[in-house]
Amino acid sequence: MNTIKVSPEIMLPEGDEWIARVREKAFENMKRYDGCAQVIVDAFMQEWGIHDPLVTRSATAFLGGMLSSYTCGVHVAGLMVLGMIIGRENIEEGLDGVFPIAIPGQELVGRLNAKIGSHSCKELTGVDFTDLDAALAFHASKEHERCFTRVADGAEQIALFIKELDQKGELFSSNNFSLE
């Protein structure tokens, strides 16, 4: 398999097969384990050969709209995955380290909104996840299965977006970007 190095840790496979694998893995992860943000982040990490329990753990609390029916975990996962590629490595990089992700991050959120319908978990599901009884009822319902497809669609859009950035030569990190 041919790969393209986009960071010291991440190699993007050439072709489109990896996109289908990420989509399928995210879908299966969601069906089996739940946790929209975490299952997408995990699918990308598996595809890229990354094992970092702290990254996996950090995505845990983003299900159910950050446990509060707010931002959909698909969007959070998209920004986390993008951050793994072009996020700043050290806070000491300041704004120079943040600028490379700003515009691509905004564009990715817009694309995800267009694909899955909203950035709001409550708008997408109709559930107030601060009500644990409602959250459990939703999880046991057929309606919850729509989230499996949202997660798969989101993972695919994230992968397609990353591939597009790479093809346009726009996958760069804060290590080679500066305001000066």
C-alpha atoms as a PDB file:
ATOM      1  CA  MET A   1       0.000   0.000   0.000  1.00  0.00           C
ATOM      2  CA  ASN A   2       1.348   3.410  -0.945  1.00  0.00           C
ATOM      3  CA  THR A   3       1.200   6.096   1.692  1.00  0.00           C
ATOM      4  CA  ILE A   4       1.736   9.834   1.977  1.00  0.00           C
ATOM      5  CA  LYS A   5       3.389  11.205   5.125  1.00  0.00           C
ATOM      6  CA  VAL A   6       1.414  14.161   6.503  1.00  0.00           C
ATOM      7  CA  SER A   7       2.876  14.288  10.005  1.00  0.00           C
ATOM      8  CA  PRO A   8       5.618  12.448  11.864  1.00  0.00           C
ATOM      9  CA  GLU A   9       3.004   9.949  13.098  1.00  0.00           C
ATOM     10  CA  ILE A  10       0.360   9.822  10.357  1.00  0.00           C
ATOM     11  CA  MET A  11       0.598   8.331   6.923  1.00  0.00           C
ATOM     12  CA  LEU A  12      -2.358   8.807   4.574  1.00  0.00           C
ATOM     13  CA  PRO A  13      -2.893   5.793   2.366  1.00  0.00           C
ATOM     14  CA  GLU A  14      -3.117   6.563  -1.338  1.00  0.00           C
ATOM     15  CA  GLY A  15      -6.334   5.776  -3.163  1.00  0.00           C
ATOM     16  CA  ASP A  16      -9.856   5.702  -1.779  1.00  0.00           C
ATOM     17  CA  GLU A  17     -10.045   2.290  -0.111  1.00  0.00           C
ATOM     18  CA  TRP A  18      -8.987   3.694   3.245  1.00  0.00           C
ATOM     19  CA  ILE A  19     -11.966   6.058   3.211  1.00  0.00           C
ATOM     20  CA  ALA A  20     -14.369   3.128   2.868  1.00  0.00           C
ATOM     21  CA  ARG A  21     -12.535   1.280   5.652  1.00  0.00           C
ATOM     22  CA  VAL A  22     -12.817   4.269   8.006  1.00  0.00           C
ATOM     23  CA  ARG A  23     -16.531   4.615   7.201  1.00  0.00           C
ATOM     24  CA  GLU A  24     -17.214   0.925   7.825  1.00  0.00           C
ATOM     25  CA  LYS A  25     -15.126   0.792  11.001  1.00  0.00           C
ATOM     26  CA  ALA A  26     -16.901   3.856  12.420  1.00  0.00           C
ATOM     27  CA  PHE A  27     -20.303   2.319  11.591  1.00  0.00           C
ATOM     28  CA  GLU A  28     -19.412  -1.025  13.188  1.00  0.00           C
ATOM     29  CA  ASN A  29     -17.835   0.669  16.209  1.00  0.00           C
ATOM     30  CA  MET A  30     -21.000   2.721  16.730  1.00  0.00           C
ATOM     31  CA  LYS A  31     -23.254  -0.325  16.517  1.00  0.00           C
ATOM     32  CA  ARG A  32     -21.077  -2.318  18.876  1.00  0.00           C
ATOM     33  CA  TYR A  33     -19.722   0.217  21.357  1.00  0.00           C
ATOM     34  CA  ASP A  34     -21.585   3.536  20.965  1.00  0.00           C
ATOM     35  CA  GLY A  35     -19.972   6.934  21.639  1.00  0.00           C
ATOM     36  CA  CYS A  36     -20.079   8.849  18.339  1.00  0.00           C
ATOM     37  CA  ALA A  37     -16.926  10.936  18.723  1.00  0.00           C
ATOM     38  CA  GLN A  38     -14.836   8.180  20.205  1.00  0.00           C
ATOM     39  CA  VAL A  39     -15.760   5.572  17.587  1.00  0.00           C
ATOM     40  CA  ILE A  40     -14.833   7.922  14.738  1.00  0.00           C
ATOM     41  CA  VAL A  41     -11.533   8.919  16.325  1.00  0.00           C
ATOM     42  CA  ASP A  42     -10.810   5.223  16.921  1.00  0.00           C
ATOM     43  CA  ALA A  43     -11.565   4.330  13.291  1.00  0.00           C
ATOM     44  CA  PHE A  44      -9.040   6.895  12.042  1.00  0.00           C
ATOM     45  CA  MET A  45      -6.448   5.894  14.621  1.00  0.00           C
ATOM     46  CA  GLN A  46      -6.763   2.246  13.608  1.00  0.00           C
ATOM     47  CA  GLU A  47      -6.442   3.131   9.927  1.00  0.00           C
ATOM     48  CA  TRP A  48      -3.348   5.200  10.607  1.00  0.00           C
ATOM     49  CA  GLY A  49      -1.775   2.677  12.979  1.00  0.00           C
ATOM     50  CA  ILE A  50      -1.931   4.961  16.008  1.00  0.00           C
ATOM     51  CA  HIS A  51      -2.458   3.582  19.487  1.00  0.00           C
ATOM     52  CA  ASP A  52      -2.719   6.315  22.063  1.00  0.00           C
ATOM     53  CA  PRO A  53      -5.069   5.591  24.964  1.00  0.00           C
ATOM     54  CA  LEU A  54      -5.051   9.250  26.006  1.00  0.00           C
ATOM     55  CA  VAL A  55      -6.483  10.348  22.651  1.00  0.00           C
ATOM     56  CA  THR A  56      -9.081   7.592  22.809  1.00  0.00           C
ATOM     57  CA  ARG A  57      -9.919   8.485  26.381  1.00  0.00           C
ATOM     58  CA  SER A  58     -10.192  12.202  25.567  1.00  0.00           C
ATOM     59  CA  ALA A  59     -12.986  11.480  23.067  1.00  0.00           C
ATOM     60  CA  THR A  60     -15.100   9.567  25.604  1.00  0.00           C
ATOM     61  CA  ALA A  61     -17.164  12.438  26.991  1.00  0.00           C
ATOM     62  CA  PHE A  62     -18.389  13.764  23.653  1.00  0.00           C
ATOM     63  CA  LEU A  63     -21.344  11.432  23.136  1.00  0.00           C
ATOM     64  CA  GLY A  64     -24.866  12.750  23.528  1.00  0.00           C
ATOM     65  CA  GLY A  65     -23.847  16.206  22.395  1.00  0.00           C
ATOM     66  CA  MET A  66     -21.061  16.519  24.937  1.00  0.00           C
ATOM     67  CA  LEU A  67     -23.383  14.783  27.428  1.00  0.00           C
ATOM     68  CA  SER A  68     -25.634  17.853  27.213  1.00  0.00           C
ATOM     69  CA  SER A  69     -27.360  17.625  23.783  1.00  0.00           C
ATOM     70  CA  TYR A  70     -25.078  20.317  22.346  1.00  0.00           C
ATOM     71  CA  THR A  71     -22.459  19.732  19.645  1.00  0.00           C
ATOM     72  CA  CYS A  72     -22.790  16.418  17.828  1.00  0.00           C
ATOM     73  CA  GLY A  73     -19.887  14.045  18.451  1.00  0.00           C
ATOM     74  CA  VAL A  74     -19.381  13.650  14.704  1.00  0.00           C
ATOM     75  CA  HIS A  75     -18.284  17.289  14.571  1.00  0.00           C
ATOM     76  CA  VAL A  76     -16.096  16.958  17.655  1.00  0.00           C
ATOM     77  CA  ALA A  77     -14.456  13.860  16.160  1.00  0.00           C
ATOM     78  CA  GLY A  78     -13.882  15.648  12.868  1.00  0.00           C
ATOM     79  CA  LEU A  79     -12.026  18.454  14.593  1.00  0.00           C
ATOM     80  CA  MET A  80     -10.073  16.010  16.777  1.00  0.00           C
ATOM     81  CA  VAL A  81      -8.985  14.007  13.720  1.00  0.00           C
ATOM     82  CA  LEU A  82      -8.067  17.171  11.830  1.00  0.00           C
ATOM     83  CA  GLY A  83      -6.153  18.316  14.907  1.00  0.00           C
ATOM     84  CA  MET A  84      -4.156  15.079  14.928  1.00  0.00           C
ATOM     85  CA  ILE A  85      -2.861  16.070  11.494  1.00  0.00           C
ATOM     86  CA  ILE A  86      -2.564  19.863  11.565  1.00  0.00           C
ATOM     87  CA  GLY A  87      -3.067  20.859  15.186  1.00  0.00           C
ATOM     88  CA  ARG A  88      -0.369  22.537  17.183  1.00  0.00           C
ATOM     89  CA  GLU A  89       1.903  20.223  19.114  1.00  0.00           C
ATOM     90  CA  ASN A  90       2.907  22.687  21.826  1.00  0.00           C
ATOM     91  CA  ILE A  91       0.867  25.509  23.309  1.00  0.00           C
ATOM     92  CA  GLU A  92       4.025  27.609  23.234  1.00  0.00           C
ATOM     93  CA  GLU A  93       3.506  27.889  19.463  1.00  0.00           C
ATOM     94  CA  GLY A  94       0.777  30.416  20.293  1.00  0.00           C
ATOM     95  CA  LEU A  95      -1.517  31.609  17.534  1.00  0.00           C
ATOM     96  CA  ASP A  96       0.989  30.542  14.881  1.00  0.00           C
ATOM     97  CA  GLY A  97       0.153  26.995  15.923  1.00  0.00           C
ATOM     98  CA  VAL A  98      -3.610  27.545  15.783  1.00  0.00           C
ATOM     99  CA  PHE A  99      -3.983  29.301  12.435  1.00  0.00           C
ATOM    100  CA  PRO A 100      -3.386  26.240  10.220  1.00  0.00           C
ATOM    101  CA  ILE A 101      -6.509  24.523  11.566  1.00  0.00           C
ATOM    102  CA  ALA A 102      -8.864  27.512  11.701  1.00  0.00           C
ATOM    103  CA  ILE A 103     -10.107  27.736   8.123  1.00  0.00           C
ATOM    104  CA  PRO A 104     -10.040  23.990   7.384  1.00  0.00           C
ATOM    105  CA  GLY A 105     -11.831  23.338  10.680  1.00  0.00           C
ATOM    106  CA  GLN A 106     -14.565  25.811   9.835  1.00  0.00           C
ATOM    107  CA  GLU A 107     -14.965  24.297   6.382  1.00  0.00           C
ATOM    108  CA  LEU A 108     -15.149  20.774   7.802  1.00  0.00           C
ATOM    109  CA  VAL A 109     -17.876  21.752  10.276  1.00  0.00           C
ATOM    110  CA  GLY A 110     -19.883  23.272   7.410  1.00  0.00           C
ATOM    111  CA  ARG A 111     -19.528  20.127   5.341  1.00  0.00           C
ATOM    112  CA  LEU A 112     -20.579  17.938   8.240  1.00  0.00           C
ATOM    113  CA  ASN A 113     -23.616  20.151   8.867  1.00  0.00           C
ATOM    114  CA  ALA A 114     -24.583  19.813   5.212  1.00  0.00           C
ATOM    115  CA  LYS A 115     -24.141  16.036   5.243  1.00  0.00           C
ATOM    116  CA  ILE A 116     -25.823  15.056   8.507  1.00  0.00           C
ATOM    117  CA  GLY A 117     -28.212  17.991   8.915  1.00  0.00           C
ATOM    118  CA  SER A 118     -27.005  19.932  11.945  1.00  0.00           C
ATOM    119  CA  HIS A 119     -24.257  20.343  14.502  1.00  0.00           C
ATOM    120  CA  SER A 120     -26.801  20.026  17.313  1.00  0.00           C
ATOM    121  CA  CYS A 121     -27.242  16.611  18.852  1.00  0.00           C
ATOM    122  CA  LYS A 122     -30.655  17.660  20.168  1.00  0.00           C
ATOM    123  CA  GLU A 123     -31.800  18.822  16.721  1.00  0.00           C
ATOM    124  CA  LEU A 124     -30.631  15.565  15.164  1.00  0.00           C
ATOM    125  CA  THR A 125     -32.062  13.207  17.784  1.00  0.00           C
ATOM    126  CA  GLY A 126     -34.772  15.170  19.568  1.00  0.00           C
ATOM    127  CA  VAL A 127     -33.293  14.006  22.875  1.00  0.00           C
ATOM    128  CA  ASP A 128     -32.265  15.962  25.946  1.00  0.00           C
ATOM    129  CA  PHE A 129     -29.258  13.907  27.011  1.00  0.00           C
ATOM    130  CA  THR A 130     -29.156  15.600  30.417  1.00  0.00           C
ATOM    131  CA  ASP A 131     -32.256  13.497  31.156  1.00  0.00           C
ATOM    132  CA  LEU A 132     -30.654  10.085  31.675  1.00  0.00           C
ATOM    133  CA  ASP A 133     -33.999   8.276  31.366  1.00  0.00           C
ATOM    134  CA  ALA A 134     -34.591   9.923  27.982  1.00  0.00           C
ATOM    135  CA  ALA A 135     -31.018   9.121  26.938  1.00  0.00           C
ATOM    136  CA  LEU A 136     -31.406   5.453  27.861  1.00  0.00           C
ATOM    137  CA  ALA A 137     -34.792   5.257  26.121  1.00  0.00           C
ATOM    138  CA  PHE A 138     -33.246   6.750  22.983  1.00  0.00           C
ATOM    139  CA  HIS A 139     -30.341   4.315  23.117  1.00  0.00           C
ATOM    140  CA  ALA A 140     -32.785   1.389  23.236  1.00  0.00           C
ATOM    141  CA  SER A 141     -34.939   2.757  20.387  1.00  0.00           C
ATOM    142  CA  LYS A 142     -34.871   2.165  16.642  1.00  0.00           C
ATOM    143  CA  GLU A 143     -34.302   5.907  16.238  1.00  0.00           C
ATOM    144  CA  HIS A 144     -30.819   5.452  17.750  1.00  0.00           C
ATOM    145  CA  GLU A 145     -29.841   3.412  14.692  1.00  0.00           C
ATOM    146  CA  ARG A 146     -29.956   6.614  12.635  1.00  0.00           C
ATOM    147  CA  CYS A 147     -26.856   7.671  14.572  1.00  0.00           C
ATOM    148  CA  PHE A 148     -24.988   4.650  13.136  1.00  0.00           C
ATOM    149  CA  THR A 149     -25.462   6.126   9.664  1.00  0.00           C
ATOM    150  CA  ARG A 150     -24.692   9.670  10.831  1.00  0.00           C
ATOM    151  CA  VAL A 151     -21.417   8.425  12.298  1.00  0.00           C
ATOM    152  CA  ALA A 152     -20.515   6.520   9.114  1.00  0.00           C
ATOM    153  CA  ASP A 153     -21.455   9.474   6.896  1.00  0.00           C
ATOM    154  CA  GLY A 154     -19.483  11.827   9.123  1.00  0.00           C
ATOM    155  CA  ALA A 155     -16.393   9.614   9.176  1.00  0.00           C
ATOM    156  CA  GLU A 156     -16.511   9.382   5.392  1.00  0.00           C
ATOM    157  CA  GLN A 157     -16.843  13.164   5.018  1.00  0.00           C
ATOM    158  CA  ILE A 158     -13.922  13.737   7.383  1.00  0.00           C
ATOM    159  CA  ALA A 159     -11.753  11.316   5.394  1.00  0.00           C
ATOM    160  CA  LEU A 160     -12.779  12.837   2.060  1.00  0.00           C
ATOM    161  CA  PHE A 161     -12.019  16.309   3.386  1.00  0.00           C
ATOM    162  CA  ILE A 162      -8.568  15.263   4.600  1.00  0.00           C
ATOM    163  CA  LYS A 163      -7.845  13.638   1.252  1.00  0.00           C
ATOM    164  CA  GLU A 164      -8.934  16.817  -0.577  1.00  0.00           C
ATOM    165  CA  LEU A 165      -6.702  18.977   1.598  1.00  0.00           C
ATOM    166  CA  ASP A 166      -3.814  16.648   0.884  1.00  0.00           C
ATOM    167  CA  GLN A 167      -4.448  16.663  -2.870  1.00  0.00           C
ATOM    168  CA  LYS A 168      -4.502  20.479  -2.863  1.00  0.00           C
ATOM    169  CA  GLY A 169      -1.273  20.587  -0.837  1.00  0.00           C
ATOM    170  CA  GLU A 170      -3.087  22.201   2.073  1.00  0.00           C
ATOM    171  CA  LEU A 171      -2.272  19.680   4.784  1.00  0.00           C
ATOM    172  CA  PHE A 172       0.297  21.597   6.719  1.00  0.00           C
ATOM    173  CA  SER A 173       1.039  21.898  10.384  1.00  0.00           C
ATOM    174  CA  SER A 174       2.003  24.758  12.605  1.00  0.00           C
ATOM    175  CA  ASN A 175       5.586  23.599  12.279  1.00  0.00           C
ATOM    176  CA  ASN A 176       5.771  25.187   8.829  1.00  0.00           C
ATOM    177  CA  PHE A 177       3.382  28.122   9.221  1.00  0.00           C
ATOM    178  CA  SER A 178       4.077  31.526  10.693  1.00  0.00           C
ATOM    179  CA  LEU A 179       2.615  35.006  10.650  1.00  0.00           C
ATOM    180  CA  GLU A 180       6.066  36.494  10.172  1.00  0.00           C
END
